[in-house]
């Protein structure tokens, strides 16, 4: 592999893990200039120690990082009785929960009410999740609507978000058997923040469909088209796990398998999903 091929391989692995260059540098104890030079092919032969540091930060072996093997070649991918080989997980409402606590804390900090904060949030969240406005734009708009000087949504979100019980273990179990991905409506930078805080597992996901990066949100058909293409399997082999029925209806209409995640009964949902994902053999 030449230096440009190596750079593209490392960049692809970083993006699949949902990390920015700055975040990977921090995790791998690597300088920003070194990483950017590697990714653009300006360093011909990075040291094995540098490559190993990057691989470890991405939870990959060196062979996986270099594309000499993939997670799928080190484990036997399975198929469920219904024919599923690829599983997409939603993030907010399935892997993490945060809404009520975040709104309550912002209300307490700003002297407003939780329902006022929630209304302000929903007024701008779609534009932020589509990547049409930055997180700073969202903060300014929300602060203006609440009549306060400033809001730091990322701070409140990341502090109050908590992993849904049983889901980190379910993701790890699923990854051992199938290719898995994330399909999420989320604002810029927040998925990476969840991974950095250990609230969403930093697994070697086969595909991460981040709405703020692809410019479309669920339940719009375009985001499902992108997810389908990146899964690399026929629609009838994809399963979507989501807590919003409108999203599930669109996926089902495309021929996907779907499972509704009951936010109020996560333990029961985890058991249902695990049973559905039992391999056929």
C-alpha atoms as a PDB file:
ATOM      1  CA  UNK A   1       0.000   0.000   0.000  1.00  0.00           C
ATOM      2  CA  UNK A   2       1.431   3.410  -0.980  1.00  0.00           C
ATOM      3  CA  UNK A   3       1.277   6.461   1.272  1.00  0.00           C
ATOM      4  CA  UNK A   4      -1.892   7.855  -0.355  1.00  0.00           C
ATOM      5  CA  UNK A   5      -3.682   4.521  -0.030  1.00  0.00           C
ATOM      6  CA  UNK A   6      -2.594   4.302   3.598  1.00  0.00           C
ATOM      7  CA  UNK A   7      -3.873   7.803   4.261  1.00  0.00           C
ATOM      8  CA  UNK A   8      -7.270   7.032   2.760  1.00  0.00           C
ATOM      9  CA  UNK A   9      -7.485   3.783   4.738  1.00  0.00           C
ATOM     10  CA  UNK A  10      -6.736   5.541   8.036  1.00  0.00           C
ATOM     11  CA  UNK A  11      -9.176   8.355   7.254  1.00  0.00           C
ATOM     12  CA  UNK A  12     -11.926   5.862   6.425  1.00  0.00           C
ATOM     13  CA  UNK A  13     -11.331   3.946   9.674  1.00  0.00           C
ATOM     14  CA  UNK A  14     -11.440   7.185  11.688  1.00  0.00           C
ATOM     15  CA  UNK A  15     -14.673   8.321  10.062  1.00  0.00           C
ATOM     16  CA  UNK A  16     -16.279   4.903  10.572  1.00  0.00           C
ATOM     17  CA  UNK A  17     -15.499   5.242  14.280  1.00  0.00           C
ATOM     18  CA  UNK A  18     -17.239   8.632  14.287  1.00  0.00           C
ATOM     19  CA  UNK A  19     -14.146  10.568  15.356  1.00  0.00           C
ATOM     20  CA  UNK A  20     -12.836  13.911  14.186  1.00  0.00           C
ATOM     21  CA  UNK A  21      -9.098  14.311  13.594  1.00  0.00           C
ATOM     22  CA  UNK A  22      -8.778  16.223  16.868  1.00  0.00           C
ATOM     23  CA  UNK A  23     -10.563  13.500  18.808  1.00  0.00           C
ATOM     24  CA  UNK A  24      -8.424  10.740  17.332  1.00  0.00           C
ATOM     25  CA  UNK A  25      -5.268  12.726  18.090  1.00  0.00           C
ATOM     26  CA  UNK A  26      -6.318  13.010  21.737  1.00  0.00           C
ATOM     27  CA  UNK A  27      -7.192   9.299  21.990  1.00  0.00           C
ATOM     28  CA  UNK A  28      -3.975   8.159  20.265  1.00  0.00           C
ATOM     29  CA  UNK A  29      -1.703  10.748  21.945  1.00  0.00           C
ATOM     30  CA  UNK A  30      -0.720  11.971  18.502  1.00  0.00           C
ATOM     31  CA  UNK A  31      -0.033  15.477  17.208  1.00  0.00           C
ATOM     32  CA  UNK A  32      -2.618  16.994  14.883  1.00  0.00           C
ATOM     33  CA  UNK A  33      -0.018  17.803  12.242  1.00  0.00           C
ATOM     34  CA  UNK A  34       1.223  14.204  12.173  1.00  0.00           C
ATOM     35  CA  UNK A  35      -2.245  12.769  11.675  1.00  0.00           C
ATOM     36  CA  UNK A  36      -3.202  15.238   8.950  1.00  0.00           C
ATOM     37  CA  UNK A  37       0.050  14.500   7.099  1.00  0.00           C
ATOM     38  CA  UNK A  38      -0.601  10.747   7.297  1.00  0.00           C
ATOM     39  CA  UNK A  39      -4.172  11.117   6.033  1.00  0.00           C
ATOM     40  CA  UNK A  40      -3.166  13.206   3.041  1.00  0.00           C
ATOM     41  CA  UNK A  41      -0.284  10.879   2.174  1.00  0.00           C
ATOM     42  CA  UNK A  42       2.540  13.270   3.063  1.00  0.00           C
ATOM     43  CA  UNK A  43       4.282  10.746   5.343  1.00  0.00           C
ATOM     44  CA  UNK A  44       5.551   7.770   3.384  1.00  0.00           C
ATOM     45  CA  UNK A  45       6.228   5.333   6.206  1.00  0.00           C
ATOM     46  CA  UNK A  46       4.669   6.143   9.599  1.00  0.00           C
ATOM     47  CA  UNK A  47       6.320   4.266  12.442  1.00  0.00           C
ATOM     48  CA  UNK A  48       4.707   1.036  13.571  1.00  0.00           C
ATOM     49  CA  UNK A  49       4.261   2.635  17.000  1.00  0.00           C
ATOM     50  CA  UNK A  50       2.214   5.461  15.469  1.00  0.00           C
ATOM     51  CA  UNK A  51       0.082   3.015  13.489  1.00  0.00           C
ATOM     52  CA  UNK A  52      -0.427   0.852  16.571  1.00  0.00           C
ATOM     53  CA  UNK A  53      -1.497   3.889  18.614  1.00  0.00           C
ATOM     54  CA  UNK A  54      -4.065   4.831  15.995  1.00  0.00           C
ATOM     55  CA  UNK A  55      -5.340   1.248  15.773  1.00  0.00           C
ATOM     56  CA  UNK A  56      -5.705   0.990  19.551  1.00  0.00           C
ATOM     57  CA  UNK A  57      -7.570   4.295  19.726  1.00  0.00           C
ATOM     58  CA  UNK A  58     -10.000   2.991  17.086  1.00  0.00           C
ATOM     59  CA  UNK A  59     -10.374  -0.400  18.829  1.00  0.00           C
ATOM     60  CA  UNK A  60      -8.936  -2.200  15.797  1.00  0.00           C
ATOM     61  CA  UNK A  61      -6.007  -4.499  15.164  1.00  0.00           C
ATOM     62  CA  UNK A  62      -3.233  -3.147  12.950  1.00  0.00           C
ATOM     63  CA  UNK A  63      -4.320  -5.542  10.183  1.00  0.00           C
ATOM     64  CA  UNK A  64      -7.897  -4.257  10.415  1.00  0.00           C
ATOM     65  CA  UNK A  65      -6.728  -0.644  10.354  1.00  0.00           C
ATOM     66  CA  UNK A  66      -4.591  -1.252   7.276  1.00  0.00           C
ATOM     67  CA  UNK A  67      -7.370  -3.111   5.506  1.00  0.00           C
ATOM     68  CA  UNK A  68      -5.451  -6.390   5.513  1.00  0.00           C
ATOM     69  CA  UNK A  69      -8.366  -7.934   7.342  1.00  0.00           C
ATOM     70  CA  UNK A  70     -11.751  -6.684   8.485  1.00  0.00           C
ATOM     71  CA  UNK A  71     -13.832  -7.356  11.575  1.00  0.00           C
ATOM     72  CA  UNK A  72     -15.970  -9.552   9.366  1.00  0.00           C
ATOM     73  CA  UNK A  73     -13.036 -11.759   8.360  1.00  0.00           C
ATOM     74  CA  UNK A  74     -12.016 -12.431  11.968  1.00  0.00           C
ATOM     75  CA  UNK A  75     -15.466 -13.640  12.928  1.00  0.00           C
ATOM     76  CA  UNK A  76     -18.050 -15.659  11.074  1.00  0.00           C
ATOM     77  CA  UNK A  77     -20.946 -13.398  10.152  1.00  0.00           C
ATOM     78  CA  UNK A  78     -24.270 -15.015  10.884  1.00  0.00           C
ATOM     79  CA  UNK A  79     -27.824 -14.802   9.550  1.00  0.00           C
ATOM     80  CA  UNK A  80     -30.997 -14.733  11.631  1.00  0.00           C
ATOM     81  CA  UNK A  81     -33.952 -17.005  10.947  1.00  0.00           C
ATOM     82  CA  UNK A  82     -35.636 -14.083   9.191  1.00  0.00           C
ATOM     83  CA  UNK A  83     -32.590 -13.499   6.979  1.00  0.00           C
ATOM     84  CA  UNK A  84     -31.048 -10.460   8.717  1.00  0.00           C
ATOM     85  CA  UNK A  85     -27.294  -9.944   8.287  1.00  0.00           C
ATOM     86  CA  UNK A  86     -26.953  -6.215   9.048  1.00  0.00           C
ATOM     87  CA  UNK A  87     -28.364  -4.295  12.027  1.00  0.00           C
ATOM     88  CA  UNK A  88     -28.814  -0.520  12.279  1.00  0.00           C
ATOM     89  CA  UNK A  89     -29.299   0.952  15.753  1.00  0.00           C
ATOM     90  CA  UNK A  90     -30.854   4.344  16.447  1.00  0.00           C
ATOM     91  CA  UNK A  91     -28.976   6.426  19.050  1.00  0.00           C
ATOM     92  CA  UNK A  92     -31.263   8.870  20.886  1.00  0.00           C
ATOM     93  CA  UNK A  93     -34.035   6.902  22.522  1.00  0.00           C
ATOM     94  CA  UNK A  94     -32.372   3.516  21.951  1.00  0.00           C
ATOM     95  CA  UNK A  95     -28.713   3.724  22.957  1.00  0.00           C
ATOM     96  CA  UNK A  96     -28.971   6.834  25.145  1.00  0.00           C
ATOM     97  CA  UNK A  97     -31.697   8.793  26.906  1.00  0.00           C
ATOM     98  CA  UNK A  98     -31.477  12.406  27.986  1.00  0.00           C
ATOM     99  CA  UNK A  99     -34.455  14.600  27.143  1.00  0.00           C
ATOM    100  CA  UNK A 100     -36.252  15.205  30.437  1.00  0.00           C
ATOM    101  CA  UNK A 101     -33.107  15.617  32.536  1.00  0.00           C
ATOM    102  CA  UNK A 102     -31.444  17.967  30.045  1.00  0.00           C
ATOM    103  CA  UNK A 103     -34.545  20.137  29.740  1.00  0.00           C
ATOM    104  CA  UNK A 104     -34.997  20.248  33.516  1.00  0.00           C
ATOM    105  CA  UNK A 105     -31.396  21.293  34.111  1.00  0.00           C
ATOM    106  CA  UNK A 106     -31.523  24.031  31.473  1.00  0.00           C
ATOM    107  CA  UNK A 107     -34.792  25.271  32.980  1.00  0.00           C
ATOM    108  CA  UNK A 108     -33.193  25.457  36.412  1.00  0.00           C
ATOM    109  CA  UNK A 109     -30.116  27.239  35.043  1.00  0.00           C
ATOM    110  CA  UNK A 110     -32.107  29.799  33.049  1.00  0.00           C
ATOM    111  CA  UNK A 111     -35.055  30.361  35.349  1.00  0.00           C
ATOM    112  CA  UNK A 112     -37.548  29.087  32.781  1.00  0.00           C
ATOM    113  CA  UNK A 113     -39.746  25.991  32.732  1.00  0.00           C
ATOM    114  CA  UNK A 114     -38.931  22.578  31.292  1.00  0.00           C
ATOM    115  CA  UNK A 115     -41.805  22.724  28.788  1.00  0.00           C
ATOM    116  CA  UNK A 116     -40.570  26.114  27.529  1.00  0.00           C
ATOM    117  CA  UNK A 117     -37.076  24.691  27.062  1.00  0.00           C
ATOM    118  CA  UNK A 118     -38.426  21.623  25.280  1.00  0.00           C
ATOM    119  CA  UNK A 119     -40.486  23.764  22.893  1.00  0.00           C
ATOM    120  CA  UNK A 120     -37.452  25.925  22.088  1.00  0.00           C
ATOM    121  CA  UNK A 121     -35.346  22.826  21.498  1.00  0.00           C
ATOM    122  CA  UNK A 122     -37.760  21.200  19.070  1.00  0.00           C
ATOM    123  CA  UNK A 123     -38.157  24.470  17.185  1.00  0.00           C
ATOM    124  CA  UNK A 124     -34.560  24.298  15.894  1.00  0.00           C
ATOM    125  CA  UNK A 125     -33.450  20.707  16.299  1.00  0.00           C
ATOM    126  CA  UNK A 126     -34.335  19.483  12.788  1.00  0.00           C
ATOM    127  CA  UNK A 127     -32.195  22.163  11.130  1.00  0.00           C
ATOM    128  CA  UNK A 128     -29.276  21.298  13.419  1.00  0.00           C
ATOM    129  CA  UNK A 129     -29.682  17.567  12.814  1.00  0.00           C
ATOM    130  CA  UNK A 130     -29.702  18.174   9.055  1.00  0.00           C
ATOM    131  CA  UNK A 131     -26.461  20.133   9.405  1.00  0.00           C
ATOM    132  CA  UNK A 132     -28.156  23.268   8.063  1.00  0.00           C
ATOM    133  CA  UNK A 133     -27.067  25.209  11.154  1.00  0.00           C
ATOM    134  CA  UNK A 134     -24.061  24.693  13.392  1.00  0.00           C
ATOM    135  CA  UNK A 135     -24.266  23.837  17.065  1.00  0.00           C
ATOM    136  CA  UNK A 136     -23.252  27.437  17.824  1.00  0.00           C
ATOM    137  CA  UNK A 137     -26.137  28.666  15.634  1.00  0.00           C
ATOM    138  CA  UNK A 138     -28.488  26.332  17.511  1.00  0.00           C
ATOM    139  CA  UNK A 139     -27.256  27.634  20.865  1.00  0.00           C
ATOM    140  CA  UNK A 140     -27.768  31.260  19.834  1.00  0.00           C
ATOM    141  CA  UNK A 141     -31.253  30.600  18.456  1.00  0.00           C
ATOM    142  CA  UNK A 142     -32.322  28.676  21.532  1.00  0.00           C
ATOM    143  CA  UNK A 143     -30.892  31.291  23.914  1.00  0.00           C
ATOM    144  CA  UNK A 144     -32.705  34.054  22.031  1.00  0.00           C
ATOM    145  CA  UNK A 145     -36.005  32.187  22.200  1.00  0.00           C
ATOM    146  CA  UNK A 146     -35.557  31.628  25.948  1.00  0.00           C
ATOM    147  CA  UNK A 147     -34.512  35.241  26.519  1.00  0.00           C
ATOM    148  CA  UNK A 148     -31.119  34.398  28.047  1.00  0.00           C
ATOM    149  CA  UNK A 149     -27.571  35.362  27.136  1.00  0.00           C
ATOM    150  CA  UNK A 150     -26.280  31.935  26.173  1.00  0.00           C
ATOM    151  CA  UNK A 151     -26.950  28.196  26.119  1.00  0.00           C
ATOM    152  CA  UNK A 152     -24.451  25.354  25.755  1.00  0.00           C
ATOM    153  CA  UNK A 153     -26.642  22.500  24.540  1.00  0.00           C
ATOM    154  CA  UNK A 154     -23.736  20.079  24.073  1.00  0.00           C
ATOM    155  CA  UNK A 155     -22.729  20.493  27.730  1.00  0.00           C
ATOM    156  CA  UNK A 156     -26.209  19.757  29.070  1.00  0.00           C
ATOM    157  CA  UNK A 157     -26.785  16.965  26.553  1.00  0.00           C
ATOM    158  CA  UNK A 158     -23.534  15.121  27.198  1.00  0.00           C
ATOM    159  CA  UNK A 159     -23.772  15.533  30.985  1.00  0.00           C
ATOM    160  CA  UNK A 160     -27.311  14.197  31.222  1.00  0.00           C
ATOM    161  CA  UNK A 161     -27.252  11.538  28.500  1.00  0.00           C
ATOM    162  CA  UNK A 162     -26.969   8.054  29.918  1.00  0.00           C
ATOM    163  CA  UNK A 163     -26.560   4.704  28.241  1.00  0.00           C
ATOM    164  CA  UNK A 164     -29.803   2.738  28.089  1.00  0.00           C
ATOM    165  CA  UNK A 165     -29.377  -0.306  30.370  1.00  0.00           C
ATOM    166  CA  UNK A 166     -28.327  -3.423  28.502  1.00  0.00           C
ATOM    167  CA  UNK A 167     -27.697  -1.722  25.166  1.00  0.00           C
ATOM    168  CA  UNK A 168     -23.868  -1.499  25.279  1.00  0.00           C
ATOM    169  CA  UNK A 169     -23.751  -5.218  25.972  1.00  0.00           C
ATOM    170  CA  UNK A 170     -26.292  -5.899  23.218  1.00  0.00           C
ATOM    171  CA  UNK A 171     -24.236  -3.917  20.700  1.00  0.00           C
ATOM    172  CA  UNK A 172     -21.087  -5.876  21.585  1.00  0.00           C
ATOM    173  CA  UNK A 173     -23.003  -9.176  21.346  1.00  0.00           C
ATOM    174  CA  UNK A 174     -24.521  -8.171  17.995  1.00  0.00           C
ATOM    175  CA  UNK A 175     -21.146  -7.083  16.616  1.00  0.00           C
ATOM    176  CA  UNK A 176     -19.720 -10.542  17.265  1.00  0.00           C
ATOM    177  CA  UNK A 177     -22.364 -12.037  14.951  1.00  0.00           C
ATOM    178  CA  UNK A 178     -23.366  -9.394  12.404  1.00  0.00           C
ATOM    179  CA  UNK A 179     -22.244  -6.214  10.725  1.00  0.00           C
ATOM    180  CA  UNK A 180     -23.772  -3.352  12.678  1.00  0.00           C
ATOM    181  CA  UNK A 181     -24.206   0.361  12.123  1.00  0.00           C
ATOM    182  CA  UNK A 182     -25.674   3.527  13.629  1.00  0.00           C
ATOM    183  CA  UNK A 183     -28.503   5.408  11.911  1.00  0.00           C
ATOM    184  CA  UNK A 184     -29.159   8.573  13.877  1.00  0.00           C
ATOM    185  CA  UNK A 185     -30.687  12.019  13.815  1.00  0.00           C
ATOM    186  CA  UNK A 186     -28.127  14.004  15.786  1.00  0.00           C
ATOM    187  CA  UNK A 187     -26.534  17.447  15.884  1.00  0.00           C
ATOM    188  CA  UNK A 188     -22.960  18.094  14.698  1.00  0.00           C
ATOM    189  CA  UNK A 189     -20.289  16.714  17.009  1.00  0.00           C
ATOM    190  CA  UNK A 190     -22.616  15.084  19.529  1.00  0.00           C
ATOM    191  CA  UNK A 191     -22.161  11.484  18.401  1.00  0.00           C
ATOM    192  CA  UNK A 192     -18.410  11.869  18.776  1.00  0.00           C
ATOM    193  CA  UNK A 193     -18.998  13.397  22.199  1.00  0.00           C
ATOM    194  CA  UNK A 194     -21.134  10.439  23.270  1.00  0.00           C
ATOM    195  CA  UNK A 195     -18.399   8.048  22.174  1.00  0.00           C
ATOM    196  CA  UNK A 196     -15.716  10.045  23.971  1.00  0.00           C
ATOM    197  CA  UNK A 197     -17.769  10.003  27.166  1.00  0.00           C
ATOM    198  CA  UNK A 198     -18.262   6.244  26.875  1.00  0.00           C
ATOM    199  CA  UNK A 199     -22.039   6.542  26.496  1.00  0.00           C
ATOM    200  CA  UNK A 200     -22.079   5.010  23.010  1.00  0.00           C
ATOM    201  CA  UNK A 201     -19.606   2.137  22.480  1.00  0.00           C
ATOM    202  CA  UNK A 202     -16.727   2.931  20.097  1.00  0.00           C
ATOM    203  CA  UNK A 203     -17.019  -0.318  18.164  1.00  0.00           C
ATOM    204  CA  UNK A 204     -15.712  -0.776  14.591  1.00  0.00           C
ATOM    205  CA  UNK A 205     -19.120  -0.036  13.076  1.00  0.00           C
ATOM    206  CA  UNK A 206     -19.550  -1.116   9.485  1.00  0.00           C
ATOM    207  CA  UNK A 207     -21.499   2.075   8.740  1.00  0.00           C
ATOM    208  CA  UNK A 208     -22.364   5.259  10.649  1.00  0.00           C
ATOM    209  CA  UNK A 209     -25.148   7.352   9.129  1.00  0.00           C
ATOM    210  CA  UNK A 210     -24.990  10.680  10.977  1.00  0.00           C
ATOM    211  CA  UNK A 211     -27.821  12.968   9.837  1.00  0.00           C
ATOM    212  CA  UNK A 212     -25.796  16.159  10.325  1.00  0.00           C
ATOM    213  CA  UNK A 213     -23.118  14.791   7.987  1.00  0.00           C
ATOM    214  CA  UNK A 214     -25.372  13.392   5.246  1.00  0.00           C
ATOM    215  CA  UNK A 215     -27.790  16.360   5.275  1.00  0.00           C
ATOM    216  CA  UNK A 216     -31.054  14.470   5.717  1.00  0.00           C
ATOM    217  CA  UNK A 217     -32.966  13.138   8.715  1.00  0.00           C
ATOM    218  CA  UNK A 218     -35.263  10.242   9.497  1.00  0.00           C
ATOM    219  CA  UNK A 219     -37.980   9.670   8.354  1.00  0.00           C
ATOM    220  CA  UNK A 220     -36.958  11.292   5.046  1.00  0.00           C
ATOM    221  CA  UNK A 221     -36.418   8.620   2.369  1.00  0.00           C
ATOM    222  CA  UNK A 222     -32.973   9.928   1.387  1.00  0.00           C
ATOM    223  CA  UNK A 223     -31.311   8.920   4.650  1.00  0.00           C
ATOM    224  CA  UNK A 224     -32.605   5.365   4.268  1.00  0.00           C
ATOM    225  CA  UNK A 225     -31.284   5.226   0.707  1.00  0.00           C
ATOM    226  CA  UNK A 226     -27.826   6.229   1.969  1.00  0.00           C
ATOM    227  CA  UNK A 227     -27.983   3.724   4.824  1.00  0.00           C
ATOM    228  CA  UNK A 228     -29.044   0.950   2.478  1.00  0.00           C
ATOM    229  CA  UNK A 229     -26.193   1.655   0.062  1.00  0.00           C
ATOM    230  CA  UNK A 230     -23.585   1.718   2.818  1.00  0.00           C
ATOM    231  CA  UNK A 231     -24.857  -1.464   4.458  1.00  0.00           C
ATOM    232  CA  UNK A 232     -23.827  -3.346   1.320  1.00  0.00           C
ATOM    233  CA  UNK A 233     -26.559  -5.973   1.612  1.00  0.00           C
ATOM    234  CA  UNK A 234     -30.054  -6.280   0.082  1.00  0.00           C
ATOM    235  CA  UNK A 235     -32.874  -4.445   1.925  1.00  0.00           C
ATOM    236  CA  UNK A 236     -34.403  -7.699   3.119  1.00  0.00           C
ATOM    237  CA  UNK A 237     -31.200  -8.453   5.062  1.00  0.00           C
ATOM    238  CA  UNK A 238     -31.262  -5.189   7.071  1.00  0.00           C
ATOM    239  CA  UNK A 239     -32.858  -4.741  10.504  1.00  0.00           C
ATOM    240  CA  UNK A 240     -33.586  -1.282  11.969  1.00  0.00           C
ATOM    241  CA  UNK A 241     -34.016  -0.860  15.716  1.00  0.00           C
ATOM    242  CA  UNK A 242     -35.651   2.503  16.454  1.00  0.00           C
ATOM    243  CA  UNK A 243     -37.967   4.069  19.027  1.00  0.00           C
ATOM    244  CA  UNK A 244     -39.951   6.152  16.492  1.00  0.00           C
ATOM    245  CA  UNK A 245     -42.684   4.383  14.567  1.00  0.00           C
ATOM    246  CA  UNK A 246     -42.584   6.838  11.637  1.00  0.00           C
ATOM    247  CA  UNK A 247     -38.967   5.798  11.005  1.00  0.00           C
ATOM    248  CA  UNK A 248     -39.833   2.128  11.224  1.00  0.00           C
ATOM    249  CA  UNK A 249     -42.679   2.501   8.716  1.00  0.00           C
ATOM    250  CA  UNK A 250     -40.371   4.030   6.106  1.00  0.00           C
ATOM    251  CA  UNK A 251     -37.770   1.301   6.623  1.00  0.00           C
ATOM    252  CA  UNK A 252     -40.394  -1.434   6.428  1.00  0.00           C
ATOM    253  CA  UNK A 253     -41.752   0.035   3.189  1.00  0.00           C
ATOM    254  CA  UNK A 254     -38.258  -0.333   1.712  1.00  0.00           C
ATOM    255  CA  UNK A 255     -38.229  -4.023   2.598  1.00  0.00           C
ATOM    256  CA  UNK A 256     -36.186  -3.793   5.809  1.00  0.00           C
ATOM    257  CA  UNK A 257     -36.956  -5.737   8.950  1.00  0.00           C
ATOM    258  CA  UNK A 258     -37.870  -3.470  11.878  1.00  0.00           C
ATOM    259  CA  UNK A 259     -38.137  -3.654  15.655  1.00  0.00           C
ATOM    260  CA  UNK A 260     -39.645  -0.953  17.845  1.00  0.00           C
ATOM    261  CA  UNK A 261     -37.577  -0.061  20.889  1.00  0.00           C
ATOM    262  CA  UNK A 262     -39.810   0.707  23.871  1.00  0.00           C
ATOM    263  CA  UNK A 263     -38.102   3.595  25.639  1.00  0.00           C
ATOM    264  CA  UNK A 264     -40.208   2.984  28.771  1.00  0.00           C
ATOM    265  CA  UNK A 265     -39.304  -0.728  28.990  1.00  0.00           C
ATOM    266  CA  UNK A 266     -35.687  -1.032  27.854  1.00  0.00           C
ATOM    267  CA  UNK A 267     -35.026  -4.372  29.533  1.00  0.00           C
ATOM    268  CA  UNK A 268     -37.930  -6.011  27.695  1.00  0.00           C
ATOM    269  CA  UNK A 269     -36.824  -4.431  24.421  1.00  0.00           C
ATOM    270  CA  UNK A 270     -33.267  -5.722  24.852  1.00  0.00           C
ATOM    271  CA  UNK A 271     -34.602  -9.242  25.410  1.00  0.00           C
ATOM    272  CA  UNK A 272     -36.835  -8.981  22.338  1.00  0.00           C
ATOM    273  CA  UNK A 273     -33.981  -7.759  20.141  1.00  0.00           C
ATOM    274  CA  UNK A 274     -31.586 -10.445  21.357  1.00  0.00           C
ATOM    275  CA  UNK A 275     -34.177 -13.134  20.650  1.00  0.00           C
ATOM    276  CA  UNK A 276     -34.736 -11.731  17.145  1.00  0.00           C
ATOM    277  CA  UNK A 277     -31.000 -11.724  16.496  1.00  0.00           C
ATOM    278  CA  UNK A 278     -30.362 -15.316  17.473  1.00  0.00           C
ATOM    279  CA  UNK A 279     -28.518 -16.859  14.494  1.00  0.00           C
ATOM    280  CA  UNK A 280     -30.332 -19.397  12.366  1.00  0.00           C
ATOM    281  CA  UNK A 281     -27.566 -21.965  12.921  1.00  0.00           C
END
